[in-house]
Amino acid sequence: MRRGAVLILAIVMLFSTACADSIQKAPDYLMEGYDGGVDYRLWENNLFFRRMQEKTGVSFELRQYTDKDRWTERKGELLAGQNLPDVLFKAELGSNEVRDLYLNGYIIDLKPYLETYAPDLWKLLQDHPEWEKAITMPDGAIPALPAINTLQNNDAMWINTSWLKRLKLEMPTTADELTEVLRRFKNDDPNGNYQQDEVPLAFLGMWELRFLGHAFGIIDNDYYVSEKDGVVTSSLTTDENRAFLTWLHQLWTEGLLDRNGFSTTDTLRQITDEKAAVPYGVIMTSTPLTILPQTTLSQYGVMDPLVYEGKQIYRDLLGDLVRGTFAITSACKEPERLVSWVNFLYTEEGRRLAFYGAEGEDYLWNEDGMWEWAAPLQTVAEEILPTHTISEGGTAPGYENGLFQTQYRDEITRETIKALRNLKQYSVIPYPPVTLDAETEKRAAEIQDGLSRYAEKAMACFVTGDIELTDENWEQFCSTVEEKGLQEMIGIWQNAIR
């Protein structure tokens, strides 16, 4: 009988333990977010979330949206307060969506929790007041957290340094010097195939050509405005913009700009044959890999900004922040635990875990102080990154400064990161991040739609010569952009920073 009692007790204890394990494994919170465009990534099977649970003790029921349109639709439901989860991760929330979700009470103010429960993020914000200001509402609330990346992708000038060496040319430092280099690229057969098939400067549309405006001191944003010392201006009607367009027309007339630049796409101009002659001299792009094989990357380097009136300046496309990546809803009962959870991603260890995986498993340190992947690159791309990390897809909250990449064993990668970090020192955000009220935002979008359509087309026509850049035509351009609301646009953004 005693043995029977022991057996019954053991069964009871086993059952109790099983129940306890079952209760313990029940998810603590419901997480929703967008993560698309990466094959094989399923949050429910991704090692990142498992590893984070081991680090923090927080578990989630995960609802991943892989279709961009469906996530946009879901955000519309959230804006109506429908079936709120506890937390939004990789949320892809625009500043207007953050504003409306917060004002309607569907996401909460996180600022009261940051100093205590997110000390690493809080220190970053205190060290960089401009970052805190960028995510703070007019009433002082911080409803959503950002991805902070001091090495954001930018539309840089990538020049074929192997062509420079072959033609014994120096790196150009001014618009005039670049013009001479482009002429040599066009005429002197730098790719060595005995054909004049070189494209001296490749670009996609007027939007991309405008990044060359820095050579004339122009760094306006997509609303055609920039801010300096609290004053908002636009370069559209300035003498500098006319001089810039005159220079571009000269390049076009001499055949130094890609003749297909206003009509092509990356897909159409892409070269996949590693043995093919490289046709591009200077490429306006975030990386040459958008159109060229990886084996050609060593041929290209990032140009420093061209000098204008003794200064170098370049437009910073994205700045350091991507806003709206993480928010906690009013349905959450313990927001402090989730704030503590996300704080880990603003540490060096957390960022590596999120984007590179686990040290000793997914990547390894060598004796020379450099790191490398623990598997072949194809395996990394096809298996490790999709199933062990949350890199790519939607934008995750966290902090990245690029230093880890400077320790990667591949020299080409290190040199590329070094060049981009160098470009960063010249880069300026044309206008600081702000949040407009709904009515003002709508009006700004209305003006931009008409202004942008006209300005982009007219400037492209000045470049190609379809519209001659005479005094009369320039005056017509200036008066038309004024009619389409340029001064009102300047006023909107001026009022937003007062």
Protein backbone atom coordinates (compact mmCIF):
# COMPACT_ATOMS: atom_id res chain seq x y z
CA MET A 1 0.00 0.00 0.00
CA ARG A 2 2.87 2.32 0.79
CA ARG A 3 4.30 1.72 -2.69
CA GLY A 4 0.88 2.51 -4.14
CA ALA A 5 0.71 5.78 -2.20
CA VAL A 6 4.16 6.72 -3.42
CA LEU A 7 3.13 5.95 -6.99
CA ILE A 8 -0.04 8.04 -6.65
CA LEU A 9 1.98 10.87 -5.11
CA ALA A 10 4.48 10.68 -7.97
CA ILE A 11 1.69 10.81 -10.53
CA VAL A 12 0.12 13.78 -8.76
CA MET A 13 3.48 15.57 -8.63
CA LEU A 14 4.12 14.80 -12.30
CA PHE A 15 0.67 16.11 -13.20
CA SER A 16 1.20 19.22 -11.09
CA THR A 17 4.57 19.84 -12.69
CA ALA A 18 3.09 19.40 -16.15
CA CYS A 19 0.32 21.87 -15.30
CA ALA A 20 2.86 24.32 -13.92
CA ASP A 21 4.97 24.01 -17.07
CA SER A 22 1.88 24.52 -19.17
CA ILE A 23 0.96 27.65 -17.25
CA GLN A 24 4.52 28.94 -17.37
CA LYS A 25 4.71 28.47 -21.13
CA ALA A 26 1.55 30.45 -21.80
CA PRO A 27 2.60 33.68 -23.57
CA ASP A 28 2.80 36.76 -21.40
CA TYR A 29 1.81 39.27 -24.08
CA LEU A 30 0.39 39.55 -27.58
CA MET A 31 2.76 41.15 -30.12
CA GLU A 32 1.86 42.31 -33.62
CA GLY A 33 3.98 43.83 -36.36
CA TYR A 34 5.18 43.81 -39.94
CA ASP A 35 8.04 41.66 -41.20
CA GLY A 36 7.88 40.92 -44.91
CA GLY A 37 10.15 40.43 -47.88
CA VAL A 38 12.45 37.89 -46.20
CA ASP A 39 11.99 34.27 -47.21
CA TYR A 40 11.53 31.71 -44.44
CA ARG A 41 11.17 34.25 -41.63
CA LEU A 42 8.40 33.19 -39.29
CA TRP A 43 8.41 34.89 -35.92
CA GLU A 44 7.00 31.85 -34.17
CA ASN A 45 10.03 29.78 -35.22
CA ASN A 46 12.66 32.53 -35.07
CA LEU A 47 15.50 32.02 -32.62
CA PHE A 48 15.63 35.73 -31.82
CA PHE A 49 12.42 35.62 -29.83
CA ARG A 50 13.46 32.43 -28.04
CA ARG A 51 16.82 33.91 -27.12
CA MET A 52 15.17 37.12 -25.96
CA GLN A 53 12.85 35.09 -23.74
CA GLU A 54 15.90 33.43 -22.17
CA LYS A 55 17.46 36.85 -21.57
CA THR A 56 14.39 38.65 -20.25
CA GLY A 57 11.88 36.01 -19.14
CA VAL A 58 9.21 37.62 -21.36
CA SER A 59 7.27 35.52 -23.84
CA PHE A 60 4.87 36.48 -26.63
CA GLU A 61 2.05 35.25 -28.73
CA LEU A 62 3.27 36.48 -32.10
CA ARG A 63 1.14 37.83 -34.92
CA GLN A 64 3.35 38.60 -37.87
CA TYR A 65 2.13 40.38 -40.98
CA THR A 66 4.20 39.63 -44.08
CA ASP A 67 2.05 41.50 -46.59
CA LYS A 68 2.53 45.27 -46.57
CA ASP A 69 -1.00 46.02 -47.72
CA ARG A 70 -2.48 43.77 -45.04
CA TRP A 71 -0.41 45.48 -42.36
CA THR A 72 -1.58 48.86 -43.62
CA GLU A 73 -5.14 47.58 -43.36
CA ARG A 74 -4.47 46.27 -39.86
CA LYS A 75 -3.09 49.64 -38.78
CA GLY A 76 -6.37 51.14 -39.91
CA GLU A 77 -8.15 48.73 -37.58
CA LEU A 78 -5.83 49.71 -34.74
CA LEU A 79 -6.63 53.36 -35.39
CA ALA A 80 -10.25 52.40 -34.81
CA GLY A 81 -9.32 50.66 -31.55
CA GLN A 82 -10.14 47.18 -32.83
CA ASN A 83 -8.63 44.15 -31.04
CA LEU A 84 -5.60 45.88 -29.60
CA PRO A 85 -2.57 43.67 -28.91
CA ASP A 86 -0.25 44.46 -26.01
CA VAL A 87 2.64 45.68 -28.13
CA LEU A 88 3.49 46.73 -31.67
CA PHE A 89 6.95 45.62 -32.84
CA LYS A 90 8.47 46.50 -36.21
CA ALA A 91 5.35 48.63 -36.28
CA GLU A 92 6.15 50.82 -39.34
CA LEU A 93 4.09 53.64 -37.83
CA GLY A 94 4.24 56.99 -39.61
CA SER A 95 4.37 60.12 -37.48
CA ASN A 96 0.69 60.75 -38.28
CA GLU A 97 -0.24 57.22 -37.18
CA VAL A 98 1.69 57.59 -33.93
CA ARG A 99 -0.06 60.91 -33.32
CA ASP A 100 -3.55 59.57 -34.00
CA LEU A 101 -3.09 56.34 -32.04
CA TYR A 102 -1.81 58.32 -29.07
CA LEU A 103 -4.43 61.07 -29.16
CA ASN A 104 -7.18 58.43 -29.37
CA GLY A 105 -5.74 56.63 -26.34
CA TYR A 106 -4.79 53.42 -28.15
CA ILE A 107 -1.05 53.62 -27.45
CA ILE A 108 0.42 54.96 -24.24
CA ASP A 109 3.06 57.50 -23.27
CA LEU A 110 6.31 55.59 -22.65
CA LYS A 111 8.33 58.48 -21.29
CA PRO A 112 7.42 57.89 -17.61
CA TYR A 113 8.93 54.40 -17.86
CA LEU A 114 12.16 55.11 -19.73
CA GLU A 115 14.52 56.36 -17.05
CA THR A 116 13.75 53.42 -14.71
CA TYR A 117 13.01 50.56 -17.09
CA ALA A 118 15.00 51.56 -20.19
CA PRO A 119 18.19 53.10 -18.78
CA ASP A 120 20.28 52.36 -21.88
CA LEU A 121 17.81 54.03 -24.22
CA TRP A 122 17.31 56.86 -21.75
CA LYS A 123 21.06 57.57 -21.70
CA LEU A 124 21.16 57.68 -25.49
CA LEU A 125 18.33 60.19 -25.51
CA GLN A 126 19.95 62.32 -22.83
CA ASP A 127 23.25 62.29 -24.70
CA HIS A 128 21.46 63.26 -27.93
CA PRO A 129 18.65 65.70 -27.11
CA GLU A 130 17.81 66.00 -30.82
CA TRP A 131 16.83 62.33 -30.83
CA GLU A 132 14.53 62.78 -27.85
CA LYS A 133 12.99 65.87 -29.43
CA ALA A 134 12.33 63.99 -32.66
CA ILE A 135 10.16 61.35 -30.94
CA THR A 136 8.44 63.68 -28.46
CA MET A 137 4.88 64.94 -28.97
CA PRO A 138 4.00 68.61 -28.37
CA ASP A 139 2.60 67.67 -24.93
CA GLY A 140 5.91 65.99 -23.96
CA ALA A 141 4.79 62.39 -24.47
CA ILE A 142 6.86 59.70 -26.21
CA PRO A 143 4.26 57.27 -27.60
CA ALA A 144 6.60 55.24 -29.85
CA LEU A 145 10.27 54.28 -29.81
CA PRO A 146 12.67 54.53 -32.75
CA ALA A 147 15.36 52.58 -34.48
CA ILE A 148 18.53 54.61 -33.99
CA ASN A 149 21.14 54.07 -36.67
CA THR A 150 23.98 56.55 -37.04
CA LEU A 151 24.98 54.89 -40.31
CA GLN A 152 21.70 54.94 -42.23
CA ASN A 153 21.78 54.17 -45.93
CA ASN A 154 22.17 57.28 -48.05
CA ASP A 155 22.13 58.00 -51.76
CA ALA A 156 25.88 58.40 -52.14
CA MET A 157 28.21 59.05 -55.07
CA TRP A 158 30.00 55.76 -55.75
CA ILE A 159 32.94 56.26 -58.11
CA ASN A 160 34.83 53.58 -60.03
CA THR A 161 38.25 53.89 -58.37
CA SER A 162 39.76 51.25 -60.67
CA TRP A 163 38.98 53.56 -63.60
CA LEU A 164 40.62 56.47 -61.77
CA LYS A 165 43.78 54.40 -61.31
CA ARG A 166 43.78 53.15 -64.90
CA LEU A 167 43.47 56.70 -66.26
CA LYS A 168 45.81 58.11 -63.58
CA LEU A 169 43.19 60.53 -62.33
CA GLU A 170 42.83 62.10 -58.90
CA MET A 171 39.60 61.87 -56.93
CA PRO A 172 37.47 64.88 -58.00
CA THR A 173 36.77 67.48 -55.31
CA THR A 174 34.70 70.11 -57.17
CA ALA A 175 31.97 70.16 -59.81
CA ASP A 176 34.50 71.24 -62.45
CA GLU A 177 36.91 68.45 -61.52
CA LEU A 178 34.08 65.90 -61.61
CA THR A 179 33.14 67.13 -65.07
CA GLU A 180 36.69 66.51 -66.32
CA VAL A 181 36.75 63.02 -64.78
CA LEU A 182 33.44 62.14 -66.42
CA ARG A 183 34.79 63.28 -69.78
CA ARG A 184 37.77 60.96 -69.39
CA PHE A 185 35.45 58.13 -68.37
CA LYS A 186 33.45 58.68 -71.56
CA ASN A 187 36.28 59.02 -74.01
CA ASP A 188 39.26 56.98 -72.79
CA ASP A 189 37.84 53.41 -72.66
CA PRO A 190 38.48 52.84 -68.93
CA ASN A 191 36.75 49.44 -68.92
CA GLY A 192 39.18 48.27 -71.61
CA ASN A 193 36.78 46.59 -74.03
CA TYR A 194 37.63 48.88 -76.99
CA GLN A 195 34.07 50.19 -77.14
CA GLN A 196 32.65 53.53 -76.12
CA ASP A 197 29.98 51.91 -73.96
CA GLU A 198 30.84 53.61 -70.67
CA VAL A 199 28.12 55.43 -68.73
CA PRO A 200 30.04 58.22 -66.97
CA LEU A 201 27.34 59.01 -64.39
CA ALA A 202 24.36 56.74 -63.71
CA PHE A 203 21.24 57.92 -61.86
CA LEU A 204 17.52 57.31 -61.50
CA GLY A 205 15.35 60.36 -62.09
CA MET A 206 15.51 63.97 -60.95
CA TRP A 207 15.05 62.92 -57.31
CA GLU A 208 18.46 61.22 -57.39
CA LEU A 209 20.18 63.93 -59.42
CA ARG A 210 19.18 66.43 -56.74
CA PHE A 211 21.71 64.82 -54.40
CA LEU A 212 24.37 66.38 -56.65
CA GLY A 213 22.95 69.76 -55.69
CA HIS A 214 25.32 69.77 -52.72
CA ALA A 215 27.98 70.88 -55.22
CA PHE A 216 26.11 74.20 -55.27
CA GLY A 217 25.25 74.27 -51.56
CA ILE A 218 21.77 72.72 -52.00
CA ILE A 219 20.47 70.04 -49.61
CA ASP A 220 16.68 70.60 -49.64
CA ASN A 221 14.46 67.68 -48.58
CA ASP A 222 11.57 66.19 -50.54
CA TYR A 223 9.37 69.14 -49.56
CA TYR A 224 12.00 71.43 -51.18
CA VAL A 225 12.84 73.09 -47.88
CA SER A 226 15.77 73.18 -45.50
CA GLU A 227 16.31 74.71 -42.08
CA LYS A 228 19.32 76.50 -40.65
CA ASP A 229 19.46 78.35 -37.33
CA GLY A 230 15.68 78.18 -37.05
CA VAL A 231 14.99 79.71 -40.47
CA VAL A 232 13.29 77.64 -43.18
CA THR A 233 14.10 78.35 -46.82
CA SER A 234 13.86 76.71 -50.24
CA SER A 235 16.46 76.60 -53.00
CA LEU A 236 13.96 76.09 -55.84
CA THR A 237 13.98 79.67 -57.10
CA THR A 238 17.56 80.57 -56.15
CA ASP A 239 20.52 81.42 -58.37
CA GLU A 240 22.25 78.34 -56.95
CA ASN A 241 19.52 76.06 -58.28
CA ARG A 242 19.70 77.68 -61.71
CA ALA A 243 23.49 77.25 -61.75
CA PHE A 244 23.06 73.62 -60.67
CA LEU A 245 20.57 72.89 -63.47
CA THR A 246 22.82 74.67 -65.97
CA TRP A 247 25.69 72.37 -64.95
CA LEU A 248 23.52 69.27 -65.26
CA HIS A 249 22.44 70.38 -68.74
CA GLN A 250 26.09 70.70 -69.71
CA LEU A 251 26.73 67.14 -68.51
CA TRP A 252 23.69 65.92 -70.42
CA THR A 253 24.70 67.71 -73.63
CA GLU A 254 28.18 66.18 -73.50
CA GLY A 255 26.78 62.68 -72.96
CA LEU A 256 28.15 62.42 -69.43
CA LEU A 257 24.80 61.57 -67.83
CA ASP A 258 23.03 58.26 -68.42
CA ARG A 259 20.71 58.80 -71.37
CA ASN A 260 18.26 56.35 -69.78
CA GLY A 261 18.43 57.97 -66.35
CA PHE A 262 14.96 59.48 -66.53
CA SER A 263 13.29 56.28 -67.75
CA THR A 264 15.19 53.23 -66.47
CA THR A 265 15.01 51.18 -63.27
CA ASP A 266 17.53 49.16 -61.27
CA THR A 267 16.10 45.98 -62.76
CA LEU A 268 16.62 47.18 -66.33
CA ARG A 269 20.19 48.40 -65.78
CA GLN A 270 21.29 45.49 -63.60
CA ILE A 271 24.32 43.44 -64.64
CA THR A 272 24.53 39.90 -63.26
CA ASP A 273 27.36 38.47 -65.38
CA GLU A 274 30.52 38.74 -63.28
CA LYS A 275 32.65 38.56 -66.44
CA ALA A 276 30.88 41.41 -68.21
CA ALA A 277 32.67 44.74 -68.62
CA VAL A 278 31.51 47.22 -66.00
CA PRO A 279 29.98 50.24 -67.79
CA TYR A 280 29.43 52.64 -64.88
CA GLY A 281 31.79 55.37 -63.74
CA VAL A 282 29.88 57.18 -61.01
CA ILE A 283 26.68 55.64 -59.64
CA MET A 284 24.17 57.57 -57.55
CA THR A 285 22.86 54.84 -55.24
CA SER A 286 22.86 53.47 -51.72
CA THR A 287 25.18 50.67 -52.85
CA PRO A 288 26.52 49.50 -56.26
CA LEU A 289 25.17 46.05 -55.40
CA THR A 290 21.73 47.25 -56.50
CA ILE A 291 22.90 46.92 -60.10
CA LEU A 292 26.29 45.15 -60.11
CA PRO A 293 27.63 41.75 -58.94
CA GLN A 294 29.22 41.58 -55.50
CA THR A 295 32.61 40.86 -57.08
CA THR A 296 32.68 44.41 -58.47
CA LEU A 297 32.23 46.14 -55.11
CA SER A 298 35.99 46.43 -54.65
CA GLN A 299 36.12 48.66 -57.74
CA TYR A 300 33.99 51.38 -56.16
CA GLY A 301 34.50 53.89 -53.39
CA VAL A 302 32.33 56.62 -51.88
CA MET A 303 33.21 60.13 -53.00
CA ASP A 304 33.48 62.86 -50.43
CA PRO A 305 31.06 65.75 -51.01
CA LEU A 306 32.25 68.21 -53.63
CA VAL A 307 33.56 71.52 -52.32
CA TYR A 308 31.38 74.62 -52.75
CA GLU A 309 32.61 78.01 -51.56
CA GLY A 310 35.22 76.29 -49.43
CA LYS A 311 32.73 73.99 -47.66
CA GLN A 312 31.55 70.41 -47.98
CA ILE A 313 27.96 69.46 -47.22
CA TYR A 314 25.70 66.56 -48.19
CA ARG A 315 22.04 65.76 -47.73
CA ASP A 316 21.37 63.23 -44.99
CA LEU A 317 18.45 61.27 -46.42
CA LEU A 318 17.15 59.46 -43.33
CA GLY A 319 18.96 61.01 -40.40
CA ASP A 320 19.73 58.85 -37.39
CA LEU A 321 16.16 57.82 -36.58
CA VAL A 322 13.39 55.70 -37.99
CA ARG A 323 10.42 56.65 -35.86
CA GLY A 324 7.44 54.50 -34.91
CA THR A 325 9.09 51.07 -34.62
CA PHE A 326 7.76 50.09 -31.16
CA ALA A 327 4.66 51.06 -29.19
CA ILE A 328 2.70 49.68 -26.25
CA THR A 329 -1.07 49.80 -26.36
CA SER A 330 -3.58 50.68 -23.70
CA ALA A 331 -4.51 46.99 -23.52
CA CYS A 332 -1.20 46.14 -21.84
CA LYS A 333 -1.38 45.66 -18.05
CA GLU A 334 2.37 45.68 -17.36
CA PRO A 335 4.03 48.16 -19.74
CA GLU A 336 7.14 48.38 -17.57
CA ARG A 337 8.07 44.77 -18.43
CA LEU A 338 7.85 45.47 -22.16
CA VAL A 339 9.83 48.68 -21.84
CA SER A 340 12.53 46.69 -20.03
CA TRP A 341 12.36 44.04 -22.77
CA VAL A 342 12.89 46.51 -25.60
CA ASN A 343 15.66 48.34 -23.72
CA PHE A 344 17.92 45.33 -24.32
CA LEU A 345 17.85 46.12 -28.04
CA TYR A 346 19.45 49.51 -27.36
CA THR A 347 22.52 47.78 -25.93
CA GLU A 348 25.41 46.47 -28.00
CA GLU A 349 24.68 42.89 -26.94
CA GLY A 350 21.02 43.21 -27.82
CA ARG A 351 21.63 44.75 -31.21
CA ARG A 352 24.07 41.99 -32.14
CA LEU A 353 21.58 39.37 -31.06
CA ALA A 354 18.90 40.98 -33.18
CA PHE A 355 20.93 41.48 -36.34
CA TYR A 356 23.81 39.01 -36.24
CA GLY A 357 22.61 36.21 -33.98
CA ALA A 358 24.39 34.60 -31.06
CA GLU A 359 28.13 34.96 -30.50
CA GLY A 360 29.86 31.60 -30.71
CA GLU A 361 26.98 30.09 -32.68
CA ASP A 362 26.16 32.38 -35.60
CA TYR A 363 29.35 34.45 -35.64
CA LEU A 364 32.83 33.96 -34.21
CA TRP A 365 35.71 36.19 -33.11
CA ASN A 366 39.15 35.50 -34.58
CA GLU A 367 42.48 35.89 -32.82
CA ASP A 368 43.14 39.09 -34.78
CA GLY A 369 40.12 40.77 -33.20
CA MET A 370 37.94 40.43 -36.29
CA TRP A 371 34.65 38.56 -36.48
CA GLU A 372 33.28 36.30 -39.19
CA TRP A 373 30.19 34.25 -39.81
CA ALA A 374 30.22 30.69 -38.51
CA ALA A 375 28.80 29.40 -41.81
CA PRO A 376 29.33 30.06 -45.53
CA LEU A 377 27.81 33.34 -46.72
CA GLN A 378 25.13 31.57 -48.75
CA THR A 379 24.03 29.69 -45.64
CA VAL A 380 24.05 32.94 -43.68
CA ALA A 381 21.85 34.64 -46.26
CA GLU A 382 19.45 31.75 -46.76
CA GLU A 383 19.23 30.30 -43.25
CA ILE A 384 20.85 32.22 -40.40
CA LEU A 385 19.59 35.73 -41.15
CA PRO A 386 15.99 34.68 -41.85
CA THR A 387 15.64 32.20 -38.98
CA HIS A 388 18.05 33.41 -36.28
CA THR A 389 17.76 37.20 -36.55
CA ILE A 390 15.25 39.95 -37.29
CA SER A 391 17.44 41.93 -39.69
CA GLU A 392 15.78 43.35 -42.81
CA GLY A 393 12.03 43.04 -43.34
CA GLY A 394 10.40 45.65 -41.14
CA THR A 395 12.51 48.06 -39.08
CA ALA A 396 13.13 46.92 -35.51
CA PRO A 397 13.76 49.21 -32.54
CA GLY A 398 17.33 49.37 -31.32
CA TYR A 399 20.65 51.17 -31.64
CA GLU A 400 23.31 50.70 -34.31
CA ASN A 401 26.47 52.78 -34.75
CA GLY A 402 28.29 50.76 -37.43
CA LEU A 403 31.31 49.98 -35.25
CA PHE A 404 30.64 46.25 -35.25
CA GLN A 405 30.81 46.20 -39.05
CA THR A 406 34.22 47.87 -38.95
CA GLN A 407 35.48 44.72 -37.21
CA TYR A 408 34.25 42.32 -39.92
CA ARG A 409 37.05 40.21 -41.43
CA ASP A 410 36.19 41.16 -45.05
CA GLU A 411 38.38 44.13 -46.01
CA ILE A 412 36.01 45.40 -48.71
CA THR A 413 33.17 45.55 -46.20
CA ARG A 414 35.35 47.38 -43.69
CA GLU A 415 36.48 49.92 -46.26
CA THR A 416 32.90 50.49 -47.42
CA ILE A 417 31.68 51.10 -43.88
CA LYS A 418 34.64 53.39 -43.25
CA ALA A 419 33.75 55.44 -46.35
CA LEU A 420 30.10 55.71 -45.36
CA ARG A 421 31.07 56.79 -41.85
CA ASN A 422 33.29 59.42 -43.42
CA LEU A 423 30.41 60.69 -45.57
CA LYS A 424 28.28 60.92 -42.45
CA GLN A 425 30.49 63.63 -41.00
CA TYR A 426 29.50 65.94 -43.86
CA SER A 427 25.83 64.96 -43.91
CA VAL A 428 23.15 67.33 -42.70
CA ILE A 429 19.46 66.66 -42.14
CA PRO A 430 17.75 69.36 -44.22
CA TYR A 431 14.87 69.67 -41.77
CA PRO A 432 14.47 68.20 -38.27
CA PRO A 433 11.80 65.52 -37.65
CA VAL A 434 8.54 67.02 -36.39
CA THR A 435 4.92 65.90 -36.09
CA LEU A 436 2.28 68.06 -37.77
CA ASP A 437 -1.33 68.16 -36.68
CA ALA A 438 -3.74 66.31 -38.96
CA GLU A 439 -5.10 69.36 -40.77
CA THR A 440 -1.67 70.89 -41.43
CA GLU A 441 -0.28 67.56 -42.55
CA LYS A 442 -3.09 67.19 -45.07
CA ARG A 443 -2.45 70.65 -46.47
CA ALA A 444 1.31 70.05 -46.76
CA ALA A 445 0.64 66.83 -48.67
CA GLU A 446 -1.74 68.65 -51.04
CA ILE A 447 0.83 71.34 -51.80
CA GLN A 448 3.65 68.85 -52.21
CA ASP A 449 1.66 66.77 -54.67
CA GLY A 450 1.22 69.62 -57.13
CA LEU A 451 4.52 71.35 -56.42
CA SER A 452 6.59 68.18 -56.67
CA ARG A 453 4.98 66.98 -59.88
CA TYR A 454 5.65 70.29 -61.60
CA ALA A 455 9.11 71.01 -60.18
CA GLU A 456 10.56 67.56 -60.86
CA LYS A 457 9.30 67.52 -64.44
CA ALA A 458 10.37 71.10 -65.21
CA MET A 459 13.85 70.61 -63.76
CA ALA A 460 14.30 67.38 -65.72
CA CYS A 461 13.31 69.26 -68.88
CA PHE A 462 15.90 71.95 -68.09
CA VAL A 463 18.52 69.20 -67.76
CA THR A 464 17.65 67.53 -71.08
CA GLY A 465 17.13 70.80 -72.93
CA ASP A 466 13.48 70.08 -73.69
CA ILE A 467 12.95 73.46 -72.02
CA GLU A 468 15.76 75.92 -72.67
CA LEU A 469 17.05 77.53 -69.51
CA THR A 470 16.52 81.13 -70.67
CA ASP A 471 15.74 84.09 -68.41
CA GLU A 472 12.14 83.99 -69.57
CA ASN A 473 11.70 80.26 -68.91
CA TRP A 474 13.43 80.52 -65.54
CA GLU A 475 11.12 83.35 -64.50
CA GLN A 476 8.16 81.22 -65.61
CA PHE A 477 9.44 78.31 -63.52
CA CYS A 478 9.89 80.52 -60.45
CA SER A 479 6.44 82.10 -60.76
CA THR A 480 4.80 78.70 -61.27
CA VAL A 481 6.32 77.11 -58.16
CA GLU A 482 5.18 80.17 -56.22
CA GLU A 483 1.66 79.73 -57.60
CA LYS A 484 1.72 76.10 -56.55
CA GLY A 485 2.26 77.07 -52.92
CA LEU A 486 6.01 77.28 -52.31
CA GLN A 487 5.72 80.13 -49.81
CA GLU A 488 2.85 78.45 -47.99
CA MET A 489 4.95 75.28 -47.80
CA ILE A 490 7.86 77.22 -46.31
CA GLY A 491 5.44 78.79 -43.82
CA ILE A 492 4.05 75.41 -42.73
CA TRP A 493 7.49 74.05 -41.88
CA GLN A 494 8.61 77.33 -40.33
CA ASN A 495 5.64 77.30 -37.95
CA ALA A 496 6.28 73.62 -37.09
CA ILE A 497 9.63 74.37 -35.44
CA ARG A 498 8.63 77.49 -33.51
